[in-house]
Amino acid sequence: MDTMTSAADDIDALSYEQARDELVRVVNALEQGASSLEESLALWERGEALARRCEEWLIGAKARLDAARAGQVDSAASAG
């Protein structure tokens, strides 16, 4: 398994909160500006992957909420 694949697998295993917290750390590190160009690029790439992971979690949460609301509407319509 190469480094990119293992890094992607690592991110895929993160909870929303873990991904968000790491993303905050990555952004802070980039804002400090103390990293080399290569390190900055690696941080930026990791940050992009973490942001995508957070977005996946949020999309999934929205879908679950939408489904729950639809179920409530269906139940109310059936009862009424």
N, C-alpha and C. Protein backbone atom coordinates (compact mmCIF):
# COMPACT_ATOMS: atom_id res chain seq x y z
N MET A 1 0.85 -1.18 0.00
CA MET A 1 0.00 0.00 0.00
C MET A 1 0.90 1.24 0.00
N ASP A 2 0.64 2.21 -0.87
CA ASP A 2 1.48 3.38 -0.91
C ASP A 2 1.02 4.42 0.11
N THR A 3 1.81 5.46 0.27
CA THR A 3 1.55 6.47 1.29
C THR A 3 0.24 7.21 1.04
N MET A 4 -0.05 7.53 -0.23
CA MET A 4 -1.28 8.25 -0.55
C MET A 4 -2.50 7.42 -0.19
N THR A 5 -2.46 6.13 -0.49
CA THR A 5 -3.60 5.26 -0.18
C THR A 5 -3.77 5.13 1.32
N SER A 6 -2.69 4.93 2.05
CA SER A 6 -2.81 4.79 3.49
C SER A 6 -3.27 6.09 4.13
N ALA A 7 -2.85 7.24 3.60
CA ALA A 7 -3.31 8.52 4.12
C ALA A 7 -4.80 8.69 3.87
N ALA A 8 -5.26 8.30 2.69
CA ALA A 8 -6.69 8.39 2.37
C ALA A 8 -7.49 7.45 3.26
N ASP A 9 -6.99 6.24 3.48
CA ASP A 9 -7.67 5.30 4.37
C ASP A 9 -7.73 5.86 5.79
N ASP A 10 -6.65 6.49 6.21
CA ASP A 10 -6.58 7.10 7.53
C ASP A 10 -7.68 8.16 7.67
N ILE A 11 -7.83 9.00 6.68
CA ILE A 11 -8.84 10.06 6.72
C ILE A 11 -10.24 9.47 6.66
N ASP A 12 -10.44 8.45 5.85
CA ASP A 12 -11.76 7.81 5.74
C ASP A 12 -12.23 7.23 7.07
N ALA A 13 -11.30 6.89 7.95
CA ALA A 13 -11.66 6.29 9.24
C ALA A 13 -11.99 7.34 10.31
N LEU A 14 -11.78 8.61 10.00
CA LEU A 14 -11.99 9.66 11.00
C LEU A 14 -13.46 10.00 11.18
N SER A 15 -13.83 10.29 12.42
CA SER A 15 -15.17 10.82 12.68
C SER A 15 -15.19 12.28 12.21
N TYR A 16 -16.37 12.87 12.17
CA TYR A 16 -16.47 14.27 11.78
C TYR A 16 -15.63 15.15 12.70
N GLU A 17 -15.77 14.93 14.00
CA GLU A 17 -15.06 15.76 14.97
C GLU A 17 -13.55 15.61 14.85
N GLN A 18 -13.08 14.39 14.63
CA GLN A 18 -11.65 14.16 14.46
C GLN A 18 -11.13 14.87 13.21
N ALA A 19 -11.86 14.74 12.11
CA ALA A 19 -11.45 15.38 10.86
C ALA A 19 -11.47 16.90 11.00
N ARG A 20 -12.50 17.43 11.64
CA ARG A 20 -12.62 18.88 11.82
C ARG A 20 -11.47 19.40 12.69
N ASP A 21 -11.19 18.71 13.79
CA ASP A 21 -10.12 19.15 14.69
C ASP A 21 -8.76 19.12 14.00
N GLU A 22 -8.51 18.07 13.22
CA GLU A 22 -7.24 17.99 12.51
C GLU A 22 -7.17 19.07 11.43
N LEU A 23 -8.29 19.34 10.78
CA LEU A 23 -8.33 20.39 9.76
C LEU A 23 -7.98 21.75 10.39
N VAL A 24 -8.50 22.01 11.57
CA VAL A 24 -8.17 23.26 12.27
C VAL A 24 -6.66 23.33 12.54
N ARG A 25 -6.08 22.22 12.97
CA ARG A 25 -4.63 22.19 13.23
C ARG A 25 -3.84 22.43 11.94
N VAL A 26 -4.29 21.84 10.84
CA VAL A 26 -3.61 22.03 9.55
C VAL A 26 -3.68 23.49 9.13
N VAL A 27 -4.85 24.09 9.24
CA VAL A 27 -5.00 25.50 8.85
C VAL A 27 -4.10 26.38 9.72
N ASN A 28 -4.08 26.11 11.02
CA ASN A 28 -3.22 26.89 11.91
C ASN A 28 -1.75 26.76 11.52
N ALA A 29 -1.33 25.55 11.19
CA ALA A 29 0.06 25.33 10.78
C ALA A 29 0.37 26.10 9.50
N LEU A 30 -0.56 26.09 8.55
CA LEU A 30 -0.35 26.82 7.30
C LEU A 30 -0.31 28.33 7.54
N GLU A 31 -1.17 28.81 8.43
CA GLU A 31 -1.20 30.24 8.72
C GLU A 31 0.07 30.72 9.41
N GLN A 32 0.74 29.84 10.14
CA GLN A 32 2.00 30.21 10.80
C GLN A 32 3.08 30.53 9.78
N GLY A 33 3.03 29.85 8.63
CA GLY A 33 3.98 30.13 7.56
C GLY A 33 5.40 29.67 7.83
N ALA A 34 5.59 28.82 8.81
CA ALA A 34 6.94 28.38 9.18
C ALA A 34 7.38 27.13 8.43
N SER A 35 6.49 26.53 7.66
CA SER A 35 6.80 25.28 6.96
C SER A 35 7.49 25.56 5.64
N SER A 36 8.26 24.57 5.20
CA SER A 36 8.87 24.66 3.87
C SER A 36 7.78 24.55 2.81
N LEU A 37 8.13 24.82 1.59
CA LEU A 37 7.17 24.72 0.50
C LEU A 37 6.61 23.30 0.42
N GLU A 38 7.50 22.31 0.49
CA GLU A 38 7.07 20.91 0.39
C GLU A 38 6.14 20.54 1.55
N GLU A 39 6.49 20.97 2.75
CA GLU A 39 5.63 20.70 3.91
C GLU A 39 4.29 21.41 3.77
N SER A 40 4.32 22.64 3.28
CA SER A 40 3.08 23.40 3.09
C SER A 40 2.17 22.72 2.08
N LEU A 41 2.75 22.22 0.99
CA LEU A 41 1.95 21.50 -0.01
C LEU A 41 1.33 20.24 0.59
N ALA A 42 2.11 19.51 1.37
CA ALA A 42 1.59 18.30 2.01
C ALA A 42 0.47 18.64 2.99
N LEU A 43 0.65 19.72 3.75
CA LEU A 43 -0.40 20.16 4.67
C LEU A 43 -1.65 20.57 3.91
N TRP A 44 -1.47 21.32 2.83
CA TRP A 44 -2.61 21.77 2.04
C TRP A 44 -3.38 20.57 1.48
N GLU A 45 -2.65 19.58 0.94
CA GLU A 45 -3.30 18.39 0.40
C GLU A 45 -4.06 17.64 1.49
N ARG A 46 -3.45 17.52 2.66
CA ARG A 46 -4.13 16.85 3.78
C ARG A 46 -5.36 17.65 4.18
N GLY A 47 -5.23 18.96 4.22
CA GLY A 47 -6.36 19.82 4.57
C GLY A 47 -7.51 19.66 3.59
N GLU A 48 -7.20 19.59 2.31
CA GLU A 48 -8.25 19.38 1.31
C GLU A 48 -8.96 18.05 1.54
N ALA A 49 -8.20 17.01 1.82
CA ALA A 49 -8.79 15.69 2.06
C ALA A 49 -9.64 15.71 3.33
N LEU A 50 -9.17 16.39 4.35
CA LEU A 50 -9.94 16.49 5.60
C LEU A 50 -11.23 17.28 5.38
N ALA A 51 -11.15 18.35 4.60
CA ALA A 51 -12.35 19.14 4.30
C ALA A 51 -13.38 18.30 3.54
N ARG A 52 -12.91 17.48 2.60
CA ARG A 52 -13.82 16.59 1.87
C ARG A 52 -14.48 15.60 2.83
N ARG A 53 -13.70 15.07 3.77
CA ARG A 53 -14.24 14.12 4.74
C ARG A 53 -15.31 14.79 5.60
N CYS A 54 -15.05 16.00 6.05
CA CYS A 54 -16.06 16.74 6.83
C CYS A 54 -17.32 16.96 6.00
N GLU A 55 -17.14 17.32 4.74
CA GLU A 55 -18.29 17.53 3.87
C GLU A 55 -19.09 16.25 3.69
N GLU A 56 -18.41 15.11 3.55
CA GLU A 56 -19.11 13.83 3.44
C GLU A 56 -19.96 13.56 4.67
N TRP A 57 -19.39 13.82 5.84
CA TRP A 57 -20.14 13.62 7.08
C TRP A 57 -21.36 14.54 7.13
N LEU A 58 -21.18 15.80 6.75
CA LEU A 58 -22.29 16.75 6.80
C LEU A 58 -23.38 16.40 5.80
N ILE A 59 -23.00 15.96 4.62
CA ILE A 59 -23.98 15.53 3.62
C ILE A 59 -24.76 14.33 4.14
N GLY A 60 -24.05 13.38 4.75
CA GLY A 60 -24.71 12.21 5.32
C GLY A 60 -25.66 12.58 6.45
N ALA A 61 -25.24 13.51 7.30
CA ALA A 61 -26.11 13.96 8.39
C ALA A 61 -27.35 14.65 7.85
N LYS A 62 -27.18 15.47 6.82
CA LYS A 62 -28.33 16.15 6.22
C LYS A 62 -29.30 15.14 5.61
N ALA A 63 -28.77 14.12 4.95
CA ALA A 63 -29.63 13.09 4.35
C ALA A 63 -30.42 12.36 5.43
N ARG A 64 -29.77 12.06 6.55
CA ARG A 64 -30.46 11.39 7.65
C ARG A 64 -31.56 12.28 8.24
N LEU A 65 -31.27 13.57 8.39
CA LEU A 65 -32.28 14.50 8.91
C LEU A 65 -33.44 14.64 7.93
N ASP A 66 -33.13 14.75 6.65
CA ASP A 66 -34.18 14.84 5.64
C ASP A 66 -35.06 13.60 5.65
N ALA A 67 -34.45 12.43 5.78
CA ALA A 67 -35.21 11.18 5.81
C ALA A 67 -36.09 11.13 7.06
N ALA A 68 -35.56 11.58 8.19
CA ALA A 68 -36.34 11.58 9.42
C ALA A 68 -37.52 12.54 9.31
N ARG A 69 -37.28 13.71 8.74
CA ARG A 69 -38.37 14.67 8.55
C ARG A 69 -39.42 14.12 7.60
N ALA A 70 -38.99 13.49 6.53
CA ALA A 70 -39.93 12.91 5.56
C ALA A 70 -40.76 11.83 6.24
N GLY A 71 -40.14 11.04 7.11
CA GLY A 71 -40.86 10.01 7.85
C GLY A 71 -41.89 10.61 8.78
N GLN A 72 -41.56 11.74 9.40
CA GLN A 72 -42.51 12.42 10.28
C GLN A 72 -43.69 12.97 9.50
N VAL A 73 -43.41 13.53 8.33
CA VAL A 73 -44.47 14.07 7.48
C VAL A 73 -45.38 12.94 7.02
N ASP A 74 -44.79 11.82 6.60
CA ASP A 74 -45.58 10.67 6.16
C ASP A 74 -46.44 10.14 7.29
N SER A 75 -45.89 10.07 8.50
CA SER A 75 -46.65 9.58 9.66
C SER A 75 -47.79 10.52 9.98
N ALA A 76 -47.53 11.81 9.92
CA ALA A 76 -48.58 12.79 10.21
C ALA A 76 -49.67 12.75 9.16
N ALA A 77 -49.30 12.56 7.90
CA ALA A 77 -50.29 12.49 6.83
C ALA A 77 -51.15 11.24 6.96
N SER A 78 -50.54 10.14 7.36
CA SER A 78 -51.28 8.88 7.54
C SER A 78 -52.22 8.97 8.72
N ALA A 79 -51.81 9.67 9.77
CA ALA A 79 -52.63 9.77 10.98
C ALA A 79 -53.76 10.77 10.80
N GLY A 80 -53.57 11.72 9.91
CA GLY A 80 -54.54 12.81 9.76
C GLY A 80 -55.58 12.50 8.81
